[in-house]
Amino acid sequence: MPHSPGTAPAAEATGLWRIALPHTTAAVPIARALVRTALADVDKGADCDTAELLTAELVANAVEHTDGATPIELAVELLPEGCRVEVHDPDPSPPGDLAGPPPHRMPDPWQENGRGLLLVRTLSAACGHRPTARGKAVWFRLLGAPAQA
């Protein structure tokens, strides 16, 4: 699966959902619910469960690894070829080992964490990060065609 470390590919959006999330662990179930709602009208080709899982991983990373004074923003974009999810946080530092060239560092099997970005890399059609005016956006794309209105 190709992964790009730069900006997400531009495509004409068929729908855009945005929400500011609290900088607490409560953001994770809120983010999952928004993704589920946004993808409710998407054809069965898009995997809502995978979108929820990967969104939860990115939001949890943003909560755990960034300053808690600024909200996290979630953007879910329905595209003609699937969906793109972005999680915006205030830290401009790139996420560790998300979209760099192989070989990627394998997580320590004895640790309870460290597998989230591996899941994002493995299960998405593309993923990466980009700088923003207030930090960075970490994104992934899943394939599947939205239902026609």
Protein backbone atom coordinates (compact mmCIF):
# COMPACT_ATOMS: atom_id res chain seq x y z
CA MET A 1 0.00 0.00 0.00
CA PRO A 2 1.53 3.33 -0.98
CA HIS A 3 2.02 5.88 1.77
CA SER A 4 2.99 9.49 1.34
CA PRO A 5 4.75 11.50 4.05
CA GLY A 6 3.55 14.83 2.64
CA THR A 7 0.15 16.29 2.13
CA ALA A 8 -2.90 14.18 1.49
CA PRO A 9 -3.80 13.95 -2.19
CA ALA A 10 -6.23 16.60 -3.31
CA ALA A 11 -9.61 15.41 -4.50
CA GLU A 12 -13.04 16.89 -4.80
CA ALA A 13 -14.83 16.32 -1.52
CA THR A 14 -18.40 15.08 -1.43
CA GLY A 15 -18.80 15.98 2.25
CA LEU A 16 -16.71 17.43 5.05
CA TRP A 17 -17.26 16.97 8.78
CA ARG A 18 -15.19 18.93 11.35
CA ILE A 19 -15.27 19.00 15.12
CA ALA A 20 -13.09 20.38 17.90
CA LEU A 21 -12.40 17.68 20.45
CA PRO A 22 -11.46 18.07 24.11
CA HIS A 23 -7.81 17.39 24.87
CA THR A 24 -8.76 14.42 27.06
CA THR A 25 -9.35 10.71 26.58
CA ALA A 26 -13.06 11.57 26.15
CA ALA A 27 -12.10 12.73 22.63
CA VAL A 28 -11.62 9.14 21.43
CA PRO A 29 -15.26 7.93 21.65
CA ILE A 30 -16.48 11.29 20.32
CA ALA A 31 -14.17 10.94 17.31
CA ARG A 32 -15.29 7.36 16.69
CA ALA A 33 -18.95 8.46 16.77
CA LEU A 34 -18.32 11.28 14.29
CA VAL A 35 -16.57 8.93 11.86
CA ARG A 36 -19.40 6.41 12.20
CA THR A 37 -21.98 9.15 11.53
CA ALA A 38 -20.05 10.65 8.60
CA LEU A 39 -19.62 7.26 6.95
CA ALA A 40 -23.23 6.14 7.54
CA ASP A 41 -24.14 7.02 3.94
CA VAL A 42 -21.01 5.51 2.43
CA ASP A 43 -21.27 2.45 0.23
CA LYS A 44 -20.24 -0.88 1.81
CA GLY A 45 -16.87 -0.57 0.03
CA ALA A 46 -15.65 1.77 2.78
CA ASP A 47 -14.79 0.01 6.02
CA CYS A 48 -16.36 2.01 8.84
CA ASP A 49 -14.82 -0.23 11.52
CA THR A 50 -11.31 0.37 10.15
CA ALA A 51 -11.98 4.11 9.89
CA GLU A 52 -13.11 4.17 13.53
CA LEU A 53 -10.07 2.17 14.70
CA LEU A 54 -7.53 4.32 12.86
CA THR A 55 -9.23 7.54 13.95
CA ALA A 56 -9.17 6.37 17.56
CA GLU A 57 -5.43 5.64 17.26
CA LEU A 58 -4.62 9.09 15.86
CA VAL A 59 -6.81 10.93 18.38
CA ALA A 60 -5.36 8.94 21.29
CA ASN A 61 -1.84 9.77 20.08
CA ALA A 62 -2.70 13.46 19.85
CA VAL A 63 -4.11 13.44 23.39
CA GLU A 64 -1.16 11.52 24.82
CA HIS A 65 1.72 13.22 23.02
CA THR A 66 0.72 16.90 22.80
CA ASP A 67 0.09 19.81 25.16
CA GLY A 68 -3.35 19.68 26.77
CA ALA A 69 -4.11 23.40 26.53
CA THR A 70 -5.32 23.32 22.92
CA PRO A 71 -8.26 21.32 21.53
CA ILE A 72 -7.68 18.67 18.91
CA GLU A 73 -9.56 18.99 15.63
CA LEU A 74 -10.98 16.08 13.66
CA ALA A 75 -11.85 16.41 9.97
CA VAL A 76 -13.60 13.62 8.08
CA GLU A 77 -13.82 14.13 4.34
CA LEU A 78 -15.96 11.97 2.06
CA LEU A 79 -14.28 11.69 -1.32
CA PRO A 80 -15.42 10.15 -4.60
CA GLU A 81 -12.97 7.30 -4.02
CA GLY A 82 -13.45 6.85 -0.25
CA CYS A 83 -12.67 8.98 2.77
CA ARG A 84 -9.83 10.92 4.35
CA VAL A 85 -9.54 11.54 8.07
CA GLU A 86 -7.25 14.20 9.56
CA VAL A 87 -6.43 14.80 13.21
CA HIS A 88 -5.01 18.27 13.90
CA ASP A 89 -2.93 18.89 17.01
CA PRO A 90 -0.77 21.78 18.28
CA ASP A 91 2.62 20.01 18.12
CA PRO A 92 4.52 20.69 14.87
CA SER A 93 6.78 17.65 15.38
CA PRO A 94 6.10 14.83 12.93
CA PRO A 95 4.58 11.65 14.34
CA GLY A 96 7.13 8.91 14.91
CA ASP A 97 7.54 6.34 12.13
CA LEU A 98 4.23 7.02 10.33
CA ALA A 99 5.11 7.29 6.69
CA GLY A 100 8.86 7.12 6.44
CA PRO A 101 10.57 4.75 4.04
CA PRO A 102 10.72 1.06 5.00
CA PRO A 103 11.96 -0.68 7.00
CA HIS A 104 9.71 0.58 9.77
CA ARG A 105 10.62 -0.09 13.37
CA MET A 106 8.57 -2.97 14.72
CA PRO A 107 6.93 -2.44 18.11
CA ASP A 108 8.36 -4.23 21.11
CA PRO A 109 6.11 -7.28 21.66
CA TRP A 110 6.52 -6.93 25.43
CA GLN A 111 5.16 -3.37 25.55
CA GLU A 112 1.48 -2.51 25.85
CA ASN A 113 1.68 0.43 23.44
CA GLY A 114 3.48 1.43 20.25
CA ARG A 115 1.29 -0.28 17.67
CA GLY A 116 -1.06 2.55 16.66
CA LEU A 117 0.99 3.98 13.80
CA LEU A 118 1.75 0.46 12.58
CA LEU A 119 -2.02 -0.09 12.32
CA VAL A 120 -2.49 3.19 10.46
CA ARG A 121 0.31 2.35 7.98
CA THR A 122 -0.92 -1.20 7.45
CA LEU A 123 -4.68 -0.71 7.19
CA SER A 124 -4.93 2.58 5.26
CA ALA A 125 -4.61 3.12 1.52
CA ALA A 126 -2.34 6.09 2.26
CA CYS A 127 -1.25 8.06 5.30
CA GLY A 128 1.03 10.89 6.28
CA HIS A 129 1.29 14.20 8.03
CA ARG A 130 1.56 17.84 7.04
CA PRO A 131 2.41 21.04 8.87
CA THR A 132 -0.41 23.46 9.66
CA ALA A 133 -0.47 27.04 10.90
CA ARG A 134 -1.10 25.75 14.45
CA GLY A 135 0.87 22.50 14.52
CA LYS A 136 0.32 19.50 12.28
CA ALA A 137 -2.34 17.31 10.73
CA VAL A 138 -1.92 13.53 10.70
CA TRP A 139 -4.08 11.83 8.10
CA PHE A 140 -5.07 8.57 6.51
CA ARG A 141 -7.17 7.64 3.50
CA LEU A 142 -9.41 4.60 3.03
CA LEU A 143 -10.80 3.50 -0.30
CA GLY A 144 -14.48 2.88 -1.01
CA ALA A 145 -17.04 4.83 -3.00
CA PRO A 146 -19.58 7.03 -1.18
CA ALA A 147 -23.20 6.26 -2.01
CA GLN A 148 -24.82 8.46 -4.65
CA ALA A 149 -27.40 10.99 -3.39
